[in-house]
Amino acid sequence: MPLNIFKALEVASLRLNQNDPEFHSQTNLTTDILRSAGVYPHRRSSLNGHVHQLLSAAIVHVYQQDTSLDVTTRRCGTYALYSYSTKLPSYLTKAVKLGFLTSQNGKATGKLELSELLEAYLDEAQAVLA
């Protein structure tokens, strides 16, 4: 069953505050991959790095739960209402366009699954840490 984007972000935020080396390592790897590919901008990453880290953590949580991400809305107002960055929808769009997340409709809405490429990186990171 797909995990709602807001629920995934909430759980990811809680998990980032826990002492879980595997989760933190996979989150950092995902952030680095998405930043180097251009999903997250390099500019002002010191200012917005926590936003990048949070979305990466949500992606890793979805990976570890072996499920998908359910993006029900792209309205910036909804993200702001839940106190999340209004940049998140654009990051999701770039991740879909660049092939890190896959969508049935080709857009960053609905059920988003991790691509084989991203899963391979996370599988490798998990094997190294084990």
Protein backbone atom coordinates (compact mmCIF):
# COMPACT_ATOMS: atom_id res chain seq x y z
CA MET A 1 0.00 0.00 0.00
CA PRO A 2 1.49 3.38 -0.98
CA LEU A 3 2.57 5.71 1.81
CA ASN A 4 1.11 9.22 1.70
CA ILE A 5 3.78 11.88 1.08
CA PHE A 6 2.92 13.82 4.22
CA LYS A 7 2.98 10.70 6.41
CA ALA A 8 6.32 9.68 4.85
CA LEU A 9 7.77 13.13 5.57
CA GLU A 10 6.51 13.01 9.16
CA VAL A 11 8.02 9.57 9.81
CA ALA A 12 11.25 10.59 8.05
CA SER A 13 11.55 13.63 10.27
CA LEU A 14 11.21 11.47 13.39
CA ARG A 15 13.69 8.90 12.08
CA LEU A 16 16.28 11.58 11.31
CA ASN A 17 16.28 12.43 15.02
CA GLN A 18 16.97 8.84 16.05
CA ASN A 19 20.33 7.11 16.28
CA ASP A 20 20.04 4.83 13.22
CA PRO A 21 23.37 4.70 11.33
CA GLU A 22 21.98 2.65 8.42
CA PHE A 23 19.08 5.05 7.86
CA HIS A 24 21.35 8.11 8.09
CA SER A 25 23.90 6.58 5.71
CA GLN A 26 21.25 5.73 3.11
CA THR A 27 19.68 9.18 3.52
CA ASN A 28 23.03 10.90 2.97
CA LEU A 29 23.72 8.71 -0.06
CA THR A 30 20.31 9.51 -1.56
CA THR A 31 20.81 13.22 -0.92
CA ASP A 32 24.24 13.12 -2.58
CA ILE A 33 22.93 11.22 -5.61
CA LEU A 34 19.95 13.53 -6.11
CA ARG A 35 22.07 16.64 -5.59
CA SER A 36 24.75 15.50 -8.06
CA ALA A 37 22.07 14.66 -10.64
CA GLY A 38 20.49 18.10 -10.33
CA VAL A 39 17.27 17.16 -8.53
CA TYR A 40 18.39 19.29 -5.60
CA PRO A 41 20.20 22.52 -6.49
CA HIS A 42 23.77 23.00 -5.26
CA ARG A 43 23.10 26.68 -4.66
CA ARG A 44 22.10 27.55 -1.14
CA SER A 45 22.31 23.92 -0.06
CA SER A 46 23.59 25.14 3.30
CA LEU A 47 20.30 27.03 3.64
CA ASN A 48 17.95 24.37 2.19
CA GLY A 49 19.96 21.24 2.96
CA HIS A 50 17.51 20.18 5.65
CA VAL A 51 14.70 20.13 3.05
CA HIS A 52 16.80 17.96 0.73
CA GLN A 53 17.68 15.69 3.66
CA LEU A 54 14.02 15.35 4.66
CA LEU A 55 12.82 14.32 1.19
CA SER A 56 15.72 11.90 0.86
CA ALA A 57 14.84 10.44 4.26
CA ALA A 58 11.23 9.98 3.12
CA ILE A 59 12.48 8.17 0.00
CA VAL A 60 14.72 5.91 2.10
CA HIS A 61 11.84 5.19 4.50
CA VAL A 62 9.66 4.17 1.55
CA TYR A 63 12.50 1.97 0.28
CA GLN A 64 12.95 0.29 3.65
CA GLN A 65 9.20 -0.30 3.96
CA ASP A 66 9.20 -1.78 0.43
CA THR A 67 6.30 0.39 -0.65
CA SER A 68 5.71 3.45 -2.84
CA LEU A 69 5.08 7.13 -2.27
CA ASP A 70 1.55 8.44 -2.78
CA VAL A 71 1.55 12.08 -3.89
CA THR A 72 -2.06 13.20 -3.63
CA THR A 73 -1.48 16.90 -4.24
CA ARG A 74 1.05 19.27 -5.73
CA ARG A 75 -0.55 22.42 -4.32
CA CYS A 76 2.14 24.45 -2.57
CA GLY A 77 -0.46 25.75 -0.12
CA THR A 78 -1.05 22.23 1.17
CA TYR A 79 2.66 21.68 1.76
CA ALA A 80 2.87 25.03 3.57
CA LEU A 81 -0.19 24.11 5.65
CA TYR A 82 1.66 21.03 6.94
CA SER A 83 4.81 23.16 7.49
CA TYR A 84 6.81 21.55 4.68
CA SER A 85 8.78 23.36 2.02
CA THR A 86 6.86 24.46 -1.05
CA LYS A 87 9.88 23.33 -3.11
CA LEU A 88 9.11 19.64 -2.48
CA PRO A 89 6.72 19.26 -5.47
CA SER A 90 9.36 20.63 -7.85
CA TYR A 91 12.00 18.27 -6.41
CA LEU A 92 9.63 15.34 -6.92
CA THR A 93 9.00 16.47 -10.50
CA LYS A 94 12.74 16.59 -11.24
CA ALA A 95 13.24 13.18 -9.64
CA VAL A 96 10.56 11.72 -11.94
CA LYS A 97 11.92 13.51 -15.04
CA LEU A 98 15.45 12.28 -14.34
CA GLY A 99 14.28 8.72 -13.70
CA PHE A 100 14.95 8.35 -9.97
CA LEU A 101 11.25 7.94 -9.24
CA THR A 102 8.78 6.31 -11.62
CA SER A 103 5.17 7.27 -12.12
CA GLN A 104 2.32 5.63 -14.01
CA ASN A 105 1.35 8.94 -15.61
CA GLY A 106 4.87 10.33 -16.12
CA LYS A 107 4.21 13.13 -13.63
CA ALA A 108 5.04 13.53 -9.95
CA THR A 109 1.51 12.68 -8.85
CA GLY A 110 -0.15 9.48 -7.75
CA LYS A 111 1.88 6.41 -6.95
CA LEU A 112 5.63 7.08 -7.21
CA GLU A 113 8.00 4.14 -7.02
CA LEU A 114 11.76 4.12 -6.67
CA SER A 115 13.55 3.43 -9.92
CA GLU A 116 15.73 0.35 -10.32
CA LEU A 117 18.78 2.65 -10.37
CA LEU A 118 18.00 4.25 -7.00
CA GLU A 119 17.07 0.88 -5.49
CA ALA A 120 20.39 -0.56 -6.70
CA TYR A 121 22.31 2.22 -4.93
CA LEU A 122 20.34 1.70 -1.73
CA ASP A 123 20.73 -2.10 -1.95
CA GLU A 124 24.48 -1.62 -2.31
CA ALA A 125 24.61 0.76 0.66
CA GLN A 126 22.64 -1.71 2.73
CA ALA A 127 25.02 -4.56 1.80
CA VAL A 128 28.09 -2.48 2.70
CA LEU A 129 26.67 -1.57 6.10
CA ALA A 130 25.60 -5.14 6.91
